[in-house]
Amino acid sequence: LVGSEMCIRDSRKTLQHGAGYWDTADCYSGGNSELGIGKFLAANPEKRKDVFLVTKSDSREPKGIQKLLDRSLTRMETDYIDLYFLHGVDSPDELTENVRDWVTEAKASKKIKFFGFSTHSNMAKCLTAAAKVGWIDAVMTSYNFRLMQEAEMQAAVDACHKAGVGLIAMKTQAK
C-alpha cells in the first residue's frame, strides 16, 4: 500500500511539472510499470486526458499484439493507448500487411490513436521503410550527434519528416 501511495503521489507530481508523455512497455519491470500507471489512473481518472500514454508490444503477430494490448489496457486502467509501438523492430520486414491490417482495426475500435515502432538497430533502413509504407505514425529511435553524422541516417530522418512520421529520440547522450 505504501508503494501504491508513492506511485500515485509521484505520478501526480510528474504531471504538475509538465511531463505528460508517459512511455512504458508491457515488459518493463515485469509489468509493474503498467500496473503503477494503472493505480494512478484508477485513483485519478480525470487525469487521463493529461497523459499521452505510450506502451509497446514484443509480439509481431496480430493475435499476440492484440493480447498484449488488451493486457496493457487492463493493467493501466484505460480504454485507449495514445501511441502503441512494436518494441525493438530491427528489420523493415517486420512491418507486414498483417500488422497494417491489425493497426487499421485497432484504430477503428479506438483502442489506439497512433501506431509505430521503436528501433535500436538497423535504424536508417527501418526509418526509411516507415516513411514509405504510409501507415506508421511515429518511430522511437536512437538519435544522437554520432549517429546523425551518417548520410543514410540523415536521409532517413528527412524521409520521415516529409512523410509526416513523428520521430521520438532516445539514447540522445550516447558517445
C-alpha atoms as a PDB file:
ATOM      1  CA  LEU A   1       0.000   0.000   0.000  1.00  0.00           C
ATOM      2  CA  VAL A   2       2.838   2.420   0.753  1.00  0.00           C
ATOM      3  CA  GLY A   3       4.307   1.765  -2.709  1.00  0.00           C
ATOM      4  CA  SER A   4       0.942   2.472  -4.335  1.00  0.00           C
ATOM      5  CA  GLU A   5       0.577   5.743  -2.466  1.00  0.00           C
ATOM      6  CA  MET A   6       4.107   6.755  -3.503  1.00  0.00           C
ATOM      7  CA  CYS A   7       3.377   5.862  -7.132  1.00  0.00           C
ATOM      8  CA  ILE A   8       0.201   7.965  -7.128  1.00  0.00           C
ATOM      9  CA  ARG A   9       1.926  10.916  -5.431  1.00  0.00           C
ATOM     10  CA  ASP A  10       4.928  10.765  -7.782  1.00  0.00           C
ATOM     11  CA  SER A  11       2.703  10.467 -10.865  1.00  0.00           C
ATOM     12  CA  ARG A  12       0.682  13.488  -9.760  1.00  0.00           C
ATOM     13  CA  LYS A  13       3.918  15.480  -9.275  1.00  0.00           C
ATOM     14  CA  THR A  14       5.139  14.372 -12.696  1.00  0.00           C
ATOM     15  CA  LEU A  15       2.047  15.878 -14.306  1.00  0.00           C
ATOM     16  CA  GLN A  16       2.309  19.046 -12.199  1.00  0.00           C
ATOM     17  CA  HIS A  17       5.810  19.543 -13.596  1.00  0.00           C
ATOM     18  CA  GLY A  18       4.535  19.235 -17.169  1.00  0.00           C
ATOM     19  CA  ALA A  19       5.709  15.717 -18.023  1.00  0.00           C
ATOM     20  CA  GLY A  20       2.644  14.285 -19.721  1.00  0.00           C
ATOM     21  CA  TYR A  21       4.373  11.892 -22.162  1.00  0.00           C
ATOM     22  CA  TRP A  22       4.436   8.569 -20.299  1.00  0.00           C
ATOM     23  CA  ASP A  23       6.338   5.803 -22.045  1.00  0.00           C
ATOM     24  CA  THR A  24       6.253   2.215 -20.837  1.00  0.00           C
ATOM     25  CA  ALA A  25       6.028  -1.332 -22.193  1.00  0.00           C
ATOM     26  CA  ASP A  26       4.235  -4.492 -21.204  1.00  0.00           C
ATOM     27  CA  CYS A  27       7.591  -5.988 -20.204  1.00  0.00           C
ATOM     28  CA  TYR A  28       9.079  -3.080 -18.210  1.00  0.00           C
ATOM     29  CA  SER A  29       9.718  -4.128 -14.611  1.00  0.00           C
ATOM     30  CA  GLY A  30       7.871  -7.364 -15.212  1.00  0.00           C
ATOM     31  CA  GLY A  31       4.645  -5.484 -15.954  1.00  0.00           C
ATOM     32  CA  ASN A  32       4.854  -3.375 -12.796  1.00  0.00           C
ATOM     33  CA  SER A  33       5.400  -0.182 -14.765  1.00  0.00           C
ATOM     34  CA  GLU A  34       1.995  -0.534 -16.412  1.00  0.00           C
ATOM     35  CA  LEU A  35       0.411  -1.611 -13.123  1.00  0.00           C
ATOM     36  CA  GLY A  36       1.767   1.524 -11.436  1.00  0.00           C
ATOM     37  CA  ILE A  37       0.299   3.736 -14.153  1.00  0.00           C
ATOM     38  CA  GLY A  38      -2.980   1.857 -13.723  1.00  0.00           C
ATOM     39  CA  LYS A  39      -3.047   2.566  -9.998  1.00  0.00           C
ATOM     40  CA  PHE A  40      -2.584   6.252 -10.677  1.00  0.00           C
ATOM     41  CA  LEU A  41      -5.260   6.386 -13.395  1.00  0.00           C
ATOM     42  CA  ALA A  42      -7.726   4.367 -11.279  1.00  0.00           C
ATOM     43  CA  ALA A  43      -7.286   6.851  -8.417  1.00  0.00           C
ATOM     44  CA  ASN A  44      -7.309   9.886 -10.756  1.00  0.00           C
ATOM     45  CA  PRO A  45      -9.455   9.083 -13.820  1.00  0.00           C
ATOM     46  CA  GLU A  46      -9.835  12.775 -14.621  1.00  0.00           C
ATOM     47  CA  LYS A  47      -6.066  12.959 -15.282  1.00  0.00           C
ATOM     48  CA  ARG A  48      -6.164  10.508 -18.213  1.00  0.00           C
ATOM     49  CA  LYS A  49      -6.747  13.419 -20.592  1.00  0.00           C
ATOM     50  CA  ASP A  50      -3.477  14.992 -19.380  1.00  0.00           C
ATOM     51  CA  VAL A  51      -1.362  11.922 -20.136  1.00  0.00           C
ATOM     52  CA  PHE A  52      -0.094  10.956 -23.596  1.00  0.00           C
ATOM     53  CA  LEU A  53       0.238   7.253 -22.896  1.00  0.00           C
ATOM     54  CA  VAL A  54       2.705   5.114 -24.862  1.00  0.00           C
ATOM     55  CA  THR A  55       3.266   1.400 -24.496  1.00  0.00           C
ATOM     56  CA  LYS A  56       4.796  -1.350 -26.588  1.00  0.00           C
ATOM     57  CA  SER A  57       4.341  -4.932 -27.749  1.00  0.00           C
ATOM     58  CA  ASP A  58       7.075  -7.514 -28.252  1.00  0.00           C
ATOM     59  CA  SER A  59       4.771  -9.615 -30.448  1.00  0.00           C
ATOM     60  CA  ARG A  60       4.764  -9.312 -34.244  1.00  0.00           C
ATOM     61  CA  GLU A  61       1.669 -11.378 -34.965  1.00  0.00           C
ATOM     62  CA  PRO A  62      -1.766  -9.703 -34.798  1.00  0.00           C
ATOM     63  CA  LYS A  63      -3.193 -12.159 -32.248  1.00  0.00           C
ATOM     64  CA  GLY A  64      -0.199 -11.664 -29.970  1.00  0.00           C
ATOM     65  CA  ILE A  65      -0.209  -7.896 -30.440  1.00  0.00           C
ATOM     66  CA  GLN A  66      -3.916  -7.791 -29.562  1.00  0.00           C
ATOM     67  CA  LYS A  67      -3.412  -9.979 -26.493  1.00  0.00           C
ATOM     68  CA  LEU A  68      -0.637  -7.716 -25.199  1.00  0.00           C
ATOM     69  CA  LEU A  69      -2.621  -4.558 -25.997  1.00  0.00           C
ATOM     70  CA  ASP A  70      -5.636  -5.871 -24.090  1.00  0.00           C
ATOM     71  CA  ARG A  71      -3.421  -6.759 -21.133  1.00  0.00           C
ATOM     72  CA  SER A  72      -1.851  -3.292 -21.202  1.00  0.00           C
ATOM     73  CA  LEU A  73      -5.264  -1.614 -21.296  1.00  0.00           C
ATOM     74  CA  THR A  74      -6.368  -3.666 -18.298  1.00  0.00           C
ATOM     75  CA  ARG A  75      -3.186  -3.051 -16.339  1.00  0.00           C
ATOM     76  CA  MET A  76      -3.261   0.678 -16.962  1.00  0.00           C
ATOM     77  CA  GLU A  77      -6.986   1.094 -16.270  1.00  0.00           C
ATOM     78  CA  THR A  78      -7.639   2.872 -19.577  1.00  0.00           C
ATOM     79  CA  ASP A  79      -9.762   2.351 -22.663  1.00  0.00           C
ATOM     80  CA  TYR A  80      -7.155   3.514 -25.168  1.00  0.00           C
ATOM     81  CA  ILE A  81      -3.451   3.981 -25.770  1.00  0.00           C
ATOM     82  CA  ASP A  82      -2.321   7.203 -27.407  1.00  0.00           C
ATOM     83  CA  LEU A  83       0.682   5.647 -29.171  1.00  0.00           C
ATOM     84  CA  TYR A  84       1.247   1.904 -29.482  1.00  0.00           C
ATOM     85  CA  PHE A  85       4.625   0.613 -30.621  1.00  0.00           C
ATOM     86  CA  LEU A  86       6.074  -2.640 -31.794  1.00  0.00           C
ATOM     87  CA  HIS A  87       9.075  -2.857 -29.489  1.00  0.00           C
ATOM     88  CA  GLY A  88      12.547  -3.207 -30.990  1.00  0.00           C
ATOM     89  CA  VAL A  89      11.913  -3.519 -34.726  1.00  0.00           C
ATOM     90  CA  ASP A  90      15.205  -4.495 -36.380  1.00  0.00           C
ATOM     91  CA  SER A  91      14.066  -5.014 -39.960  1.00  0.00           C
ATOM     92  CA  PRO A  92      11.580  -3.407 -42.338  1.00  0.00           C
ATOM     93  CA  ASP A  93      10.337  -6.962 -42.979  1.00  0.00           C
ATOM     94  CA  GLU A  94       8.588  -6.782 -39.586  1.00  0.00           C
ATOM     95  CA  LEU A  95       6.196  -4.143 -40.977  1.00  0.00           C
ATOM     96  CA  THR A  96       3.880  -6.673 -42.586  1.00  0.00           C
ATOM     97  CA  GLU A  97       0.462  -6.348 -44.188  1.00  0.00           C
ATOM     98  CA  ASN A  98      -0.947  -8.411 -41.311  1.00  0.00           C
ATOM     99  CA  VAL A  99       0.335  -5.827 -38.832  1.00  0.00           C
ATOM    100  CA  ARG A 100      -1.008  -2.993 -41.010  1.00  0.00           C
ATOM    101  CA  ASP A 101      -4.453  -4.644 -41.058  1.00  0.00           C
ATOM    102  CA  TRP A 102      -4.335  -5.056 -37.266  1.00  0.00           C
ATOM    103  CA  VAL A 103      -3.427  -1.372 -36.887  1.00  0.00           C
ATOM    104  CA  THR A 104      -6.394  -0.354 -39.035  1.00  0.00           C
ATOM    105  CA  GLU A 105      -8.755  -2.411 -36.852  1.00  0.00           C
ATOM    106  CA  ALA A 106      -7.231  -1.204 -33.569  1.00  0.00           C
ATOM    107  CA  LYS A 107      -7.601   2.425 -34.644  1.00  0.00           C
ATOM    108  CA  ALA A 108     -11.177   1.865 -35.845  1.00  0.00           C
ATOM    109  CA  SER A 109     -12.067   0.313 -32.476  1.00  0.00           C
ATOM    110  CA  LYS A 110     -10.446   3.343 -30.778  1.00  0.00           C
ATOM    111  CA  LYS A 111      -8.115   1.161 -28.697  1.00  0.00           C
ATOM    112  CA  ILE A 112      -5.130   3.062 -30.127  1.00  0.00           C
ATOM    113  CA  LYS A 113      -4.848   6.547 -31.589  1.00  0.00           C
ATOM    114  CA  PHE A 114      -1.425   6.253 -33.221  1.00  0.00           C
ATOM    115  CA  PHE A 115       0.888   3.390 -34.141  1.00  0.00           C
ATOM    116  CA  GLY A 116       4.587   2.969 -34.732  1.00  0.00           C
ATOM    117  CA  PHE A 117       7.653   1.139 -33.563  1.00  0.00           C
ATOM    118  CA  SER A 118      10.837   1.534 -31.593  1.00  0.00           C
ATOM    119  CA  THR A 119      14.154   0.576 -33.142  1.00  0.00           C
ATOM    120  CA  HIS A 120      17.611   0.102 -31.698  1.00  0.00           C
ATOM    121  CA  SER A 121      19.488  -1.286 -34.712  1.00  0.00           C
ATOM    122  CA  ASN A 122      19.355  -1.022 -38.494  1.00  0.00           C
ATOM    123  CA  MET A 123      17.673   2.294 -37.777  1.00  0.00           C
ATOM    124  CA  ALA A 124      18.177   4.068 -41.105  1.00  0.00           C
ATOM    125  CA  LYS A 125      16.582   1.213 -43.046  1.00  0.00           C
ATOM    126  CA  CYS A 126      13.705   0.972 -40.558  1.00  0.00           C
ATOM    127  CA  LEU A 127      13.076   4.730 -40.671  1.00  0.00           C
ATOM    128  CA  THR A 128      13.164   4.726 -44.469  1.00  0.00           C
ATOM    129  CA  ALA A 129      10.618   1.899 -44.515  1.00  0.00           C
ATOM    130  CA  ALA A 130       8.372   3.779 -42.067  1.00  0.00           C
ATOM    131  CA  ALA A 131       8.364   6.752 -44.424  1.00  0.00           C
ATOM    132  CA  LYS A 132       7.389   4.555 -47.379  1.00  0.00           C
ATOM    133  CA  VAL A 133       4.640   2.280 -46.013  1.00  0.00           C
ATOM    134  CA  GLY A 134       2.116   5.035 -45.295  1.00  0.00           C
ATOM    135  CA  TRP A 135       0.643   3.653 -42.047  1.00  0.00           C
ATOM    136  CA  ILE A 136       3.338   4.355 -39.461  1.00  0.00           C
ATOM    137  CA  ASP A 137       2.604   7.430 -37.362  1.00  0.00           C
ATOM    138  CA  ALA A 138       5.761   7.569 -35.230  1.00  0.00           C
ATOM    139  CA  VAL A 139       9.108   5.905 -34.615  1.00  0.00           C
ATOM    140  CA  MET A 140      11.199   5.952 -31.454  1.00  0.00           C
ATOM    141  CA  THR A 141      14.839   5.723 -32.478  1.00  0.00           C
ATOM    142  CA  SER A 142      18.299   6.311 -31.123  1.00  0.00           C
ATOM    143  CA  TYR A 143      19.237   9.827 -32.069  1.00  0.00           C
ATOM    144  CA  ASN A 144      22.494  11.500 -31.161  1.00  0.00           C
ATOM    145  CA  PHE A 145      25.315  13.526 -32.662  1.00  0.00           C
ATOM    146  CA  ARG A 146      27.381  10.482 -33.636  1.00  0.00           C
ATOM    147  CA  LEU A 147      24.527   8.731 -35.441  1.00  0.00           C
ATOM    148  CA  MET A 148      23.436  11.854 -37.265  1.00  0.00           C
ATOM    149  CA  GLN A 149      26.811  12.142 -38.996  1.00  0.00           C
ATOM    150  CA  GLU A 150      25.823   9.204 -41.192  1.00  0.00           C
ATOM    151  CA  ALA A 151      24.341  10.256 -44.538  1.00  0.00           C
ATOM    152  CA  GLU A 152      21.951   7.272 -44.581  1.00  0.00           C
ATOM    153  CA  MET A 153      20.521   8.282 -41.196  1.00  0.00           C
ATOM    154  CA  GLN A 154      20.155  11.914 -42.260  1.00  0.00           C
ATOM    155  CA  ALA A 155      18.284  10.832 -45.404  1.00  0.00           C
ATOM    156  CA  ALA A 156      16.022   8.518 -43.362  1.00  0.00           C
ATOM    157  CA  VAL A 157      15.133  11.283 -40.899  1.00  0.00           C
ATOM    158  CA  ASP A 158      14.397  13.635 -43.816  1.00  0.00           C
ATOM    159  CA  ALA A 159      12.187  10.983 -45.454  1.00  0.00           C
ATOM    160  CA  CYS A 160      10.204  10.569 -42.235  1.00  0.00           C
ATOM    161  CA  HIS A 161       9.806  14.316 -41.919  1.00  0.00           C
ATOM    162  CA  LYS A 162       8.487  14.580 -45.487  1.00  0.00           C
ATOM    163  CA  ALA A 163       6.107  11.640 -44.918  1.00  0.00           C
ATOM    164  CA  GLY A 164       4.757  13.101 -41.664  1.00  0.00           C
ATOM    165  CA  VAL A 165       6.161  10.298 -39.492  1.00  0.00           C
ATOM    166  CA  GLY A 166       6.826  11.609 -35.990  1.00  0.00           C
ATOM    167  CA  LEU A 167      10.233  10.842 -34.504  1.00  0.00           C
ATOM    168  CA  ILE A 168      10.915  10.355 -30.824  1.00  0.00           C
ATOM    169  CA  ALA A 169      14.547  10.494 -29.798  1.00  0.00           C
ATOM    170  CA  MET A 170      16.045   8.052 -27.323  1.00  0.00           C
ATOM    171  CA  LYS A 171      19.598   7.435 -26.171  1.00  0.00           C
ATOM    172  CA  THR A 172      20.455  11.012 -27.051  1.00  0.00           C
ATOM    173  CA  GLN A 173      23.574  11.144 -24.873  1.00  0.00           C
ATOM    174  CA  ALA A 174      25.439   8.249 -26.493  1.00  0.00           C
ATOM    175  CA  LYS A 175      29.065   8.680 -27.457  1.00  0.00           C
END
